Amino acid sequence: VFSIEHYAGLVEYTTESWIEKNKDQLPAASSELLMSSDFEFLQQEVNRFVRSEDRAGRGTVATKSVSSQFSSQLRVLRSRIEKTVPHYIRCLKPNDELVPDFFEPKNIVEQLRCGGGLEAVRGS
């Protein structure tokens, strides 16, 4: 188990079944590069875990890897976002005590960061 601090806060990940869930095929050039490495670990393990696409590609059913599907979907999403003019309304808690006319800038920034507000503004 390991943690990464994202814009939304600390997120825990586990490596359990990671290899089984991430069996994308590598392009042939990438696979060849790994196999030609002088690093002993790669030489021993590359054949156990690396699947590569066939160079010929003819007469076989073409399958898209998860990463290529993700990239394609991300391009479509980005295209849709670029065509829109987003407007955001977000209620923010000015202070922990909810005292009127008292703003704690650090709390406001943290709420914007954790709620994705800063990322939304940065992306648009």
C-alpha atoms as a PDB file:
ATOM      1  CA  VAL A   1       0.000   0.000   0.000  1.00  0.00           C
ATOM      2  CA  PHE A   2       1.251   3.493  -0.817  1.00  0.00           C
ATOM      3  CA  SER A   3      -0.241   6.990  -0.845  1.00  0.00           C
ATOM      4  CA  ILE A   4      -0.073   9.905  -3.271  1.00  0.00           C
ATOM      5  CA  GLU A   5      -1.253  13.397  -2.454  1.00  0.00           C
ATOM      6  CA  HIS A   6      -3.483  14.522  -5.331  1.00  0.00           C
ATOM      7  CA  TYR A   7      -5.310  17.832  -5.687  1.00  0.00           C
ATOM      8  CA  ALA A   8      -8.252  16.184  -3.919  1.00  0.00           C
ATOM      9  CA  GLY A   9      -6.147  15.070  -0.956  1.00  0.00           C
ATOM     10  CA  LEU A  10      -4.249  11.946   0.097  1.00  0.00           C
ATOM     11  CA  VAL A  11      -5.233   8.828  -1.896  1.00  0.00           C
ATOM     12  CA  GLU A  12      -4.149   5.293  -0.945  1.00  0.00           C
ATOM     13  CA  TYR A  13      -3.269   2.718  -3.599  1.00  0.00           C
ATOM     14  CA  THR A  14      -2.464  -0.957  -3.427  1.00  0.00           C
ATOM     15  CA  THR A  15      -0.357  -3.040  -5.790  1.00  0.00           C
ATOM     16  CA  GLU A  16      -2.475  -6.158  -5.242  1.00  0.00           C
ATOM     17  CA  SER A  17      -3.365  -7.704  -8.641  1.00  0.00           C
ATOM     18  CA  TRP A  18      -1.745  -4.747 -10.396  1.00  0.00           C
ATOM     19  CA  ILE A  19      -0.078  -6.861 -13.081  1.00  0.00           C
ATOM     20  CA  GLU A  20      -3.316  -8.725 -13.855  1.00  0.00           C
ATOM     21  CA  LYS A  21      -5.262  -5.456 -14.187  1.00  0.00           C
ATOM     22  CA  ASN A  22      -2.697  -3.698 -16.371  1.00  0.00           C
ATOM     23  CA  LYS A  23      -1.844  -6.022 -19.237  1.00  0.00           C
ATOM     24  CA  ASP A  24      -1.650  -3.424 -21.984  1.00  0.00           C
ATOM     25  CA  GLN A  25       0.353  -4.436 -24.993  1.00  0.00           C
ATOM     26  CA  LEU A  26       3.475  -2.424 -25.650  1.00  0.00           C
ATOM     27  CA  PRO A  27       4.360  -1.226 -29.120  1.00  0.00           C
ATOM     28  CA  ALA A  28       6.926  -3.552 -30.707  1.00  0.00           C
ATOM     29  CA  ALA A  29       9.665  -0.878 -30.547  1.00  0.00           C
ATOM     30  CA  SER A  30       9.175  -0.446 -26.789  1.00  0.00           C
ATOM     31  CA  SER A  31       9.241  -4.176 -26.196  1.00  0.00           C
ATOM     32  CA  GLU A  32      12.430  -4.540 -28.243  1.00  0.00           C
ATOM     33  CA  LEU A  33      14.031  -1.700 -26.288  1.00  0.00           C
ATOM     34  CA  LEU A  34      13.263  -3.409 -22.967  1.00  0.00           C
ATOM     35  CA  MET A  35      14.533  -6.755 -24.231  1.00  0.00           C
ATOM     36  CA  SER A  36      17.806  -5.208 -25.443  1.00  0.00           C
ATOM     37  CA  SER A  37      18.566  -3.625 -22.054  1.00  0.00           C
ATOM     38  CA  ASP A  38      21.815  -4.382 -20.268  1.00  0.00           C
ATOM     39  CA  PHE A  39      19.973  -4.192 -16.937  1.00  0.00           C
ATOM     40  CA  GLU A  40      19.981  -7.766 -15.607  1.00  0.00           C
ATOM     41  CA  PHE A  41      16.585  -7.483 -13.916  1.00  0.00           C
ATOM     42  CA  LEU A  42      14.910  -6.546 -17.201  1.00  0.00           C
ATOM     43  CA  GLN A  43      16.617  -9.378 -19.047  1.00  0.00           C
ATOM     44  CA  GLN A  44      15.285 -11.885 -16.505  1.00  0.00           C
ATOM     45  CA  GLU A  45      11.764 -10.517 -16.074  1.00  0.00           C
ATOM     46  CA  VAL A  46      10.786  -8.883 -19.358  1.00  0.00           C
ATOM     47  CA  ASN A  47       9.453 -12.078 -20.947  1.00  0.00           C
ATOM     48  CA  ARG A  48       7.277 -12.845 -17.910  1.00  0.00           C
ATOM     49  CA  PHE A  49       5.403  -9.553 -17.927  1.00  0.00           C
ATOM     50  CA  VAL A  50       5.815  -7.756 -21.261  1.00  0.00           C
ATOM     51  CA  ARG A  51       3.374  -8.507 -24.059  1.00  0.00           C
ATOM     52  CA  SER A  52       3.993  -6.742 -27.320  1.00  0.00           C
ATOM     53  CA  GLU A  53       1.957  -6.265 -30.449  1.00  0.00           C
ATOM     54  CA  ASP A  54       2.955  -8.267 -33.485  1.00  0.00           C
ATOM     55  CA  ARG A  55       4.837  -6.210 -36.054  1.00  0.00           C
ATOM     56  CA  ALA A  56       3.097  -7.760 -39.051  1.00  0.00           C
ATOM     57  CA  GLY A  57      -0.376  -7.069 -37.755  1.00  0.00           C
ATOM     58  CA  ARG A  58      -1.985  -8.686 -40.796  1.00  0.00           C
ATOM     59  CA  GLY A  59      -4.420 -11.530 -40.418  1.00  0.00           C
ATOM     60  CA  THR A  60      -4.880 -10.861 -36.711  1.00  0.00           C
ATOM     61  CA  VAL A  61      -7.695  -9.118 -34.926  1.00  0.00           C
ATOM     62  CA  ALA A  62      -6.537  -5.678 -33.856  1.00  0.00           C
ATOM     63  CA  THR A  63      -7.254  -4.907 -30.219  1.00  0.00           C
ATOM     64  CA  LYS A  64      -6.898  -1.516 -28.583  1.00  0.00           C
ATOM     65  CA  SER A  65      -4.984  -1.430 -25.345  1.00  0.00           C
ATOM     66  CA  VAL A  66      -6.529   0.200 -22.298  1.00  0.00           C
ATOM     67  CA  SER A  67      -4.070   3.088 -22.572  1.00  0.00           C
ATOM     68  CA  SER A  68      -4.891   3.749 -26.236  1.00  0.00           C
ATOM     69  CA  GLN A  69      -8.625   3.659 -25.441  1.00  0.00           C
ATOM     70  CA  PHE A  70      -8.021   6.095 -22.577  1.00  0.00           C
ATOM     71  CA  SER A  71      -5.991   8.421 -24.807  1.00  0.00           C
ATOM     72  CA  SER A  72      -8.701   8.386 -27.463  1.00  0.00           C
ATOM     73  CA  GLN A  73     -11.452   9.072 -24.930  1.00  0.00           C
ATOM     74  CA  LEU A  74      -9.368  11.838 -23.355  1.00  0.00           C
ATOM     75  CA  ARG A  75      -8.950  13.545 -26.763  1.00  0.00           C
ATOM     76  CA  VAL A  76     -12.721  13.442 -27.305  1.00  0.00           C
ATOM     77  CA  LEU A  77     -13.380  14.822 -23.813  1.00  0.00           C
ATOM     78  CA  ARG A  78     -10.803  17.575 -24.282  1.00  0.00           C
ATOM     79  CA  SER A  79     -12.415  18.509 -27.595  1.00  0.00           C
ATOM     80  CA  ARG A  80     -15.839  18.748 -25.931  1.00  0.00           C
ATOM     81  CA  ILE A  81     -14.466  20.845 -23.077  1.00  0.00           C
ATOM     82  CA  GLU A  82     -12.783  23.247 -25.504  1.00  0.00           C
ATOM     83  CA  LYS A  83     -16.160  23.832 -27.226  1.00  0.00           C
ATOM     84  CA  THR A  84     -17.898  24.805 -23.977  1.00  0.00           C
ATOM     85  CA  VAL A  85     -17.858  27.928 -21.839  1.00  0.00           C
ATOM     86  CA  PRO A  86     -18.004  26.557 -18.291  1.00  0.00           C
ATOM     87  CA  HIS A  87     -19.386  28.556 -15.382  1.00  0.00           C
ATOM     88  CA  TYR A  88     -18.934  27.427 -11.807  1.00  0.00           C
ATOM     89  CA  ILE A  89     -20.915  28.291  -8.717  1.00  0.00           C
ATOM     90  CA  ARG A  90     -19.362  26.923  -5.581  1.00  0.00           C
ATOM     91  CA  CYS A  91     -20.314  27.629  -1.975  1.00  0.00           C
ATOM     92  CA  LEU A  92     -17.288  27.933   0.279  1.00  0.00           C
ATOM     93  CA  LYS A  93     -17.124  27.852   4.053  1.00  0.00           C
ATOM     94  CA  PRO A  94     -15.439  31.169   5.006  1.00  0.00           C
ATOM     95  CA  ASN A  95     -14.135  29.924   8.370  1.00  0.00           C
ATOM     96  CA  ASP A  96     -14.466  26.901  10.633  1.00  0.00           C
ATOM     97  CA  GLU A  97     -16.522  28.812  13.208  1.00  0.00           C
ATOM     98  CA  LEU A  98     -18.936  30.211  10.534  1.00  0.00           C
ATOM     99  CA  VAL A  99     -18.448  33.702  11.959  1.00  0.00           C
ATOM    100  CA  PRO A 100     -19.885  36.400   9.630  1.00  0.00           C
ATOM    101  CA  ASP A 101     -17.503  38.772   7.793  1.00  0.00           C
ATOM    102  CA  PHE A 102     -14.426  36.683   8.672  1.00  0.00           C
ATOM    103  CA  PHE A 103     -12.575  34.865   5.887  1.00  0.00           C
ATOM    104  CA  GLU A 104      -9.670  32.504   6.394  1.00  0.00           C
ATOM    105  CA  PRO A 105      -7.832  32.601   3.032  1.00  0.00           C
ATOM    106  CA  LYS A 106      -5.969  29.352   3.737  1.00  0.00           C
ATOM    107  CA  ASN A 107      -9.280  27.495   4.246  1.00  0.00           C
ATOM    108  CA  ILE A 108     -10.771  28.985   1.070  1.00  0.00           C
ATOM    109  CA  VAL A 109      -7.772  27.943  -1.029  1.00  0.00           C
ATOM    110  CA  GLU A 110      -7.843  24.436   0.472  1.00  0.00           C
ATOM    111  CA  GLN A 111     -11.543  24.051  -0.351  1.00  0.00           C
ATOM    112  CA  LEU A 112     -10.963  25.212  -3.924  1.00  0.00           C
ATOM    113  CA  ARG A 113      -8.009  22.852  -4.301  1.00  0.00           C
ATOM    114  CA  CYS A 114      -9.741  19.802  -2.822  1.00  0.00           C
ATOM    115  CA  GLY A 115     -12.973  20.482  -4.694  1.00  0.00           C
ATOM    116  CA  GLY A 116     -11.183  20.672  -8.039  1.00  0.00           C
ATOM    117  CA  GLY A 117     -11.916  24.381  -8.455  1.00  0.00           C
ATOM    118  CA  LEU A 118      -8.330  25.383  -9.111  1.00  0.00           C
ATOM    119  CA  GLU A 119      -7.845  22.519 -11.581  1.00  0.00           C
ATOM    120  CA  ALA A 120     -11.048  23.481 -13.405  1.00  0.00           C
ATOM    121  CA  VAL A 121      -9.889  27.068 -13.783  1.00  0.00           C
ATOM    122  CA  ARG A 122      -6.390  25.969 -14.804  1.00  0.00           C
ATOM    123  CA  GLY A 123      -7.827  23.596 -17.441  1.00  0.00           C
ATOM    124  CA  SER A 124     -10.213  26.071 -19.031  1.00  0.00           C
END
